[in-house]
Amino acid sequence: MLNRLKSSDHGRLHLILMLVLTFSTGVIDAVGYLGLDRVFTGNMTGNVVILGMAFVGADELPVLGPAIALAGFVVGAVIAGRILRPEAAGWSRRTTALLTAVGVVMAAVAGVLFIYPPQAGAPITLTITAALALAMGLQAATARHLSVKDVTTVVVTSTLTGLAADSRIGGGTGAHWGRRLGAVVLILVGAAVGAALLEVHVGLGVLLTALLSLGVAITGGVARRGTPSPAAPATSATPPTPPRRVPA
C-alpha cells in the first residue's frame, strides 16, 4: 500500500485528497450553521452575507459569531501563507504539518464538544467557532498552495461557474467537468452527512472532519516521500591545485 502511494500520479492523488477535504468542509459547515448559532466556519461568503443582513436586524441573525469566524479564518490563512511562502507550489513537509495541525485542532474541538454542548452566544461556543474557522483558514491556504485547479476545498461558487460556463452547452470544451462536478456534489453530500450526524451528537461531525484531515495529511506525506529528490550538482573529485609560492 505504501509503495503504491509513493509511486502514484501525484497530480491525481492531490486532486482526490482535495476533494476529500471539500467533503469535510460540507460536514463542518453544516455543524457550524446548525449547531453553532448559524455560523459558517469554512464558507466565508456565507458569513459576509449573514453579517450584512444581521447589521439591519434581519431575522435576528447573529453578528458576533460570524465576525469571529471571519477573523479566525483570516488568521489561519495568514499563518499558513507565511509558513508556505518559502516553498514552491506542491506538497512538502510544511503542507503535511499544516494539514496535520488542522486535524489536531478539529480533534481537540470535537473533544470539547463531547464535554460541553454548545449554547448560542456562550464563550465556549464562540471559542469553538474561532478554532474551527482558524483551522479552515489553514486548510484553505494550504489547498491554494497546492494549486489543484478548480478545487479550493472551501467554496464551490467559482467551481460551479466554471462548470457551467465551460460546458459544451455554454460553448466551451467541458474541460475538468468531472472534478468540478465532484467538488459541488461532495460539499453537498458533506453538508447532508454533517446535518445527519448532528442529530446524534454535535461533536461527531467535527470528529469526522478531524479523521479526514489527518488521513489526507498522512496520505499526502507518504506519497511525497516517494518523490525523487533533485540530483545534487556534480563536484570534481580532484582537489584544487595549491597556489605556487614565489621565492622572496
Protein backbone atom coordinates (compact mmCIF):
# COMPACT_ATOMS: atom_id res chain seq x y z
CA MET A 1 0.00 0.00 0.00
CA LEU A 2 2.78 2.45 0.94
CA ASN A 3 4.70 1.60 -2.22
CA ARG A 4 1.60 2.22 -4.33
CA LEU A 5 1.16 5.65 -2.73
CA LYS A 6 4.78 6.56 -3.33
CA SER A 7 4.60 5.57 -6.99
CA SER A 8 1.18 7.11 -7.69
CA ASP A 9 0.43 10.03 -10.00
CA HIS A 10 0.80 12.89 -7.54
CA GLY A 11 -1.38 15.27 -9.54
CA ARG A 12 -4.29 12.84 -9.46
CA LEU A 13 -3.65 11.97 -5.83
CA HIS A 14 -3.66 15.63 -4.80
CA LEU A 15 -6.96 16.11 -6.61
CA ILE A 16 -8.52 13.21 -4.70
CA LEU A 17 -7.18 14.50 -1.39
CA MET A 18 -8.54 18.00 -2.02
CA LEU A 19 -11.93 16.52 -2.92
CA VAL A 20 -11.90 14.67 0.41
CA LEU A 21 -11.28 17.99 2.17
CA THR A 22 -14.11 19.55 0.16
CA PHE A 23 -16.43 16.87 1.55
CA SER A 24 -15.19 17.60 5.07
CA THR A 25 -15.90 21.32 4.56
CA GLY A 26 -19.53 20.47 3.85
CA VAL A 27 -19.63 18.49 7.09
CA ILE A 28 -18.07 21.22 9.22
CA ASP A 29 -20.20 24.00 7.74
CA ALA A 30 -23.36 22.02 8.48
CA VAL A 31 -22.19 21.63 12.06
CA GLY A 32 -21.36 25.34 12.30
CA TYR A 33 -24.60 26.63 10.82
CA LEU A 34 -26.95 24.20 12.55
CA GLY A 35 -25.05 23.60 15.78
CA LEU A 36 -23.12 26.83 16.43
CA ASP A 37 -25.80 29.50 16.04
CA ARG A 38 -25.88 29.90 12.24
CA VAL A 39 -22.19 30.40 11.62
CA PHE A 40 -20.12 29.12 8.70
CA THR A 41 -16.54 28.19 9.59
CA GLY A 42 -15.44 27.26 6.07
CA ASN A 43 -17.61 29.26 3.67
CA MET A 44 -16.72 32.88 4.40
CA THR A 45 -19.04 34.17 1.67
CA GLY A 46 -21.93 32.92 3.77
CA ASN A 47 -20.65 34.76 6.84
CA VAL A 48 -20.27 38.03 4.95
CA VAL A 49 -23.88 37.75 3.72
CA ILE A 50 -25.13 36.86 7.21
CA LEU A 51 -23.31 39.86 8.67
CA GLY A 52 -24.75 42.17 6.05
CA MET A 53 -28.28 41.06 6.91
CA ALA A 54 -27.59 40.99 10.66
CA PHE A 55 -26.45 44.62 10.65
CA VAL A 56 -30.00 45.69 9.80
CA GLY A 57 -31.55 43.27 12.29
CA ALA A 58 -32.94 40.82 9.74
CA ASP A 59 -34.36 37.61 11.23
CA GLU A 60 -32.39 38.17 14.47
CA LEU A 61 -29.25 36.87 12.78
CA PRO A 62 -26.05 36.71 14.88
CA VAL A 63 -23.26 39.26 14.47
CA LEU A 64 -20.55 38.18 16.90
CA GLY A 65 -20.27 34.55 15.74
CA PRO A 66 -19.82 35.28 12.02
CA ALA A 67 -17.43 38.13 12.81
CA ILE A 68 -15.29 35.84 14.98
CA ALA A 69 -15.36 33.18 12.26
CA LEU A 70 -14.16 35.70 9.66
CA ALA A 71 -11.33 36.85 11.92
CA GLY A 72 -10.30 33.28 12.77
CA PHE A 73 -10.30 32.23 9.13
CA VAL A 74 -8.13 35.18 8.11
CA VAL A 75 -5.66 34.49 10.93
CA GLY A 76 -5.41 30.83 9.87
CA ALA A 77 -4.83 31.78 6.23
CA VAL A 78 -2.16 34.33 7.23
CA ILE A 79 -0.33 31.73 9.33
CA ALA A 80 -0.37 29.16 6.53
CA GLY A 81 0.65 31.77 3.98
CA ARG A 82 3.72 32.77 5.96
CA ILE A 83 4.71 29.16 6.62
CA LEU A 84 4.35 28.13 2.98
CA ARG A 85 5.80 31.29 1.42
CA PRO A 86 9.37 29.90 1.05
CA GLU A 87 8.08 26.66 -0.50
CA ALA A 88 7.44 26.01 -4.19
CA ALA A 89 3.88 25.05 -5.09
CA GLY A 90 3.21 21.40 -4.33
CA TRP A 91 3.29 19.04 -1.39
CA SER A 92 6.05 19.44 1.19
CA ARG A 93 6.74 18.70 4.82
CA ARG A 94 5.16 22.01 5.72
CA THR A 95 2.00 21.07 3.81
CA THR A 96 1.80 17.84 5.78
CA ALA A 97 2.41 19.68 9.05
CA LEU A 98 -0.31 22.26 8.35
CA LEU A 99 -2.96 19.69 7.43
CA THR A 100 -1.96 17.66 10.47
CA ALA A 101 -2.48 20.79 12.57
CA VAL A 102 -5.97 21.14 11.04
CA GLY A 103 -6.79 17.58 12.08
CA VAL A 104 -5.41 18.08 15.59
CA VAL A 105 -7.44 21.28 16.11
CA MET A 106 -10.58 19.55 14.85
CA ALA A 107 -9.97 16.59 17.17
CA ALA A 108 -9.48 18.92 20.14
CA VAL A 109 -12.69 20.80 19.31
CA ALA A 110 -14.59 17.51 18.98
CA GLY A 111 -13.35 16.51 22.43
CA VAL A 112 -14.58 19.80 23.89
CA LEU A 113 -17.97 19.41 22.21
CA PHE A 114 -18.42 15.96 23.72
CA ILE A 115 -17.93 17.52 27.15
CA TYR A 116 -19.55 20.95 26.71
CA PRO A 117 -22.54 21.07 24.33
CA PRO A 118 -22.60 24.45 22.54
CA GLN A 119 -25.01 27.19 23.55
CA ALA A 120 -25.73 30.23 21.41
CA GLY A 121 -23.58 33.18 22.42
CA ALA A 122 -21.73 31.31 25.18
CA PRO A 123 -17.97 31.98 25.44
CA ILE A 124 -17.11 28.30 24.88
CA THR A 125 -19.21 28.29 21.70
CA LEU A 126 -17.51 31.41 20.37
CA THR A 127 -14.11 29.91 21.19
CA ILE A 128 -15.03 26.75 19.29
CA THR A 129 -16.15 28.88 16.34
CA ALA A 130 -12.82 30.72 16.32
CA ALA A 131 -10.82 27.47 16.49
CA LEU A 132 -12.77 25.81 13.67
CA ALA A 133 -12.51 28.90 11.47
CA LEU A 134 -8.76 29.15 12.10
CA ALA A 135 -8.35 25.50 11.11
CA MET A 136 -10.35 26.06 7.93
CA GLY A 137 -8.22 29.10 7.11
CA LEU A 138 -5.13 26.90 7.43
CA GLN A 139 -6.75 24.32 5.16
CA ALA A 140 -7.87 26.82 2.52
CA ALA A 141 -4.45 28.48 2.26
CA THR A 142 -2.73 25.10 2.08
CA ALA A 143 -5.09 23.94 -0.67
CA ARG A 144 -4.38 27.18 -2.54
CA HIS A 145 -0.65 26.49 -2.29
CA LEU A 146 -1.16 23.01 -3.75
CA SER A 147 -2.83 24.67 -6.78
CA VAL A 148 -5.27 21.88 -7.64
CA LYS A 149 -7.32 23.54 -10.37
CA ASP A 150 -10.99 24.24 -9.54
CA VAL A 151 -10.81 22.64 -6.08
CA THR A 152 -10.37 25.20 -3.30
CA THR A 153 -11.95 22.85 -0.67
CA VAL A 154 -13.96 25.68 0.96
CA VAL A 155 -16.11 27.25 -1.77
CA VAL A 156 -17.81 25.98 -4.93
CA THR A 157 -19.33 29.14 -6.44
CA SER A 158 -16.41 29.69 -8.81
CA THR A 159 -16.28 25.94 -9.44
CA LEU A 160 -19.96 25.88 -10.39
CA THR A 161 -19.46 28.94 -12.61
CA GLY A 162 -16.60 27.23 -14.45
CA LEU A 163 -18.62 24.03 -14.80
CA ALA A 164 -21.49 25.87 -16.46
CA ALA A 165 -19.56 28.47 -18.48
CA ASP A 166 -17.01 25.99 -19.86
CA SER A 167 -19.56 23.28 -20.62
CA ARG A 168 -20.41 22.34 -24.19
CA ILE A 169 -23.80 23.95 -23.71
CA GLY A 170 -22.00 27.14 -22.70
CA GLY A 171 -19.83 26.97 -25.81
CA GLY A 172 -16.77 25.52 -24.10
CA THR A 173 -14.96 22.20 -24.28
CA GLY A 174 -16.24 20.79 -20.99
CA ALA A 175 -12.70 20.54 -19.65
CA HIS A 176 -12.33 19.48 -16.00
CA TRP A 177 -16.06 18.89 -15.71
CA GLY A 178 -15.51 15.76 -13.59
CA ARG A 179 -13.56 17.45 -10.81
CA ARG A 180 -15.85 20.48 -10.84
CA LEU A 181 -19.00 18.42 -10.57
CA GLY A 182 -17.32 16.22 -7.98
CA ALA A 183 -16.47 19.23 -5.79
CA VAL A 184 -20.04 20.53 -5.91
CA VAL A 185 -21.56 17.13 -5.17
CA LEU A 186 -19.10 16.34 -2.39
CA ILE A 187 -19.68 19.57 -0.47
CA LEU A 188 -23.42 18.96 -0.81
CA VAL A 189 -23.12 15.37 0.43
CA GLY A 190 -20.80 16.51 3.21
CA ALA A 191 -23.40 19.02 4.41
CA ALA A 192 -26.04 16.28 4.41
CA VAL A 193 -23.77 13.96 6.39
CA GLY A 194 -22.94 16.75 8.84
CA ALA A 195 -26.61 17.50 9.40
CA ALA A 196 -27.36 13.80 9.93
CA LEU A 197 -24.53 13.38 12.44
CA LEU A 198 -25.75 16.47 14.27
CA GLU A 199 -28.92 14.56 15.10
CA VAL A 200 -26.79 12.09 17.05
CA HIS A 201 -24.22 14.46 18.61
CA VAL A 202 -22.74 17.80 17.61
CA GLY A 203 -19.20 16.50 18.14
CA LEU A 204 -19.46 13.62 15.66
CA GLY A 205 -19.26 15.77 12.54
CA VAL A 206 -16.20 17.60 13.85
CA LEU A 207 -14.59 14.29 14.79
CA LEU A 208 -15.20 13.00 11.26
CA THR A 209 -13.50 16.06 9.74
CA ALA A 210 -10.56 15.57 12.10
CA LEU A 211 -10.09 11.99 10.93
CA LEU A 212 -10.40 13.01 7.28
CA SER A 213 -7.87 15.84 7.65
CA LEU A 214 -5.36 13.60 9.41
CA GLY A 215 -5.89 10.91 6.77
CA VAL A 216 -5.24 13.43 3.99
CA ALA A 217 -2.10 14.70 5.74
CA ILE A 218 -0.70 11.20 6.25
CA THR A 219 -1.53 10.06 2.71
CA GLY A 220 -0.01 13.14 1.10
CA GLY A 221 3.06 12.95 3.32
CA VAL A 222 3.71 9.30 2.49
CA ALA A 223 3.27 9.95 -1.23
CA ARG A 224 5.66 12.90 -1.07
CA ARG A 225 8.43 10.67 0.26
CA GLY A 226 8.30 8.72 -2.97
CA THR A 227 9.19 11.81 -5.00
CA PRO A 228 12.83 11.60 -6.07
CA SER A 229 14.97 14.41 -4.72
CA PRO A 230 16.70 16.59 -7.32
CA ALA A 231 20.22 15.42 -8.04
CA ALA A 232 22.94 17.37 -6.32
CA PRO A 233 25.34 19.19 -8.67
CA ALA A 234 28.38 17.12 -9.57
CA THR A 235 31.62 18.06 -7.89
CA SER A 236 35.09 17.36 -9.05
CA ALA A 237 36.94 14.63 -7.18
CA THR A 238 40.30 16.24 -7.96
CA PRO A 239 41.40 18.62 -5.22
CA PRO A 240 42.29 22.14 -6.37
CA THR A 241 45.95 22.86 -7.17
CA PRO A 242 47.51 24.92 -4.41
CA PRO A 243 48.92 28.29 -5.49
CA ARG A 244 52.62 28.39 -6.32
CA ARG A 245 54.80 30.16 -3.81
CA VAL A 246 57.02 32.83 -5.28
CA PRO A 247 60.51 32.91 -3.65
CA ALA A 248 61.34 36.17 -1.92
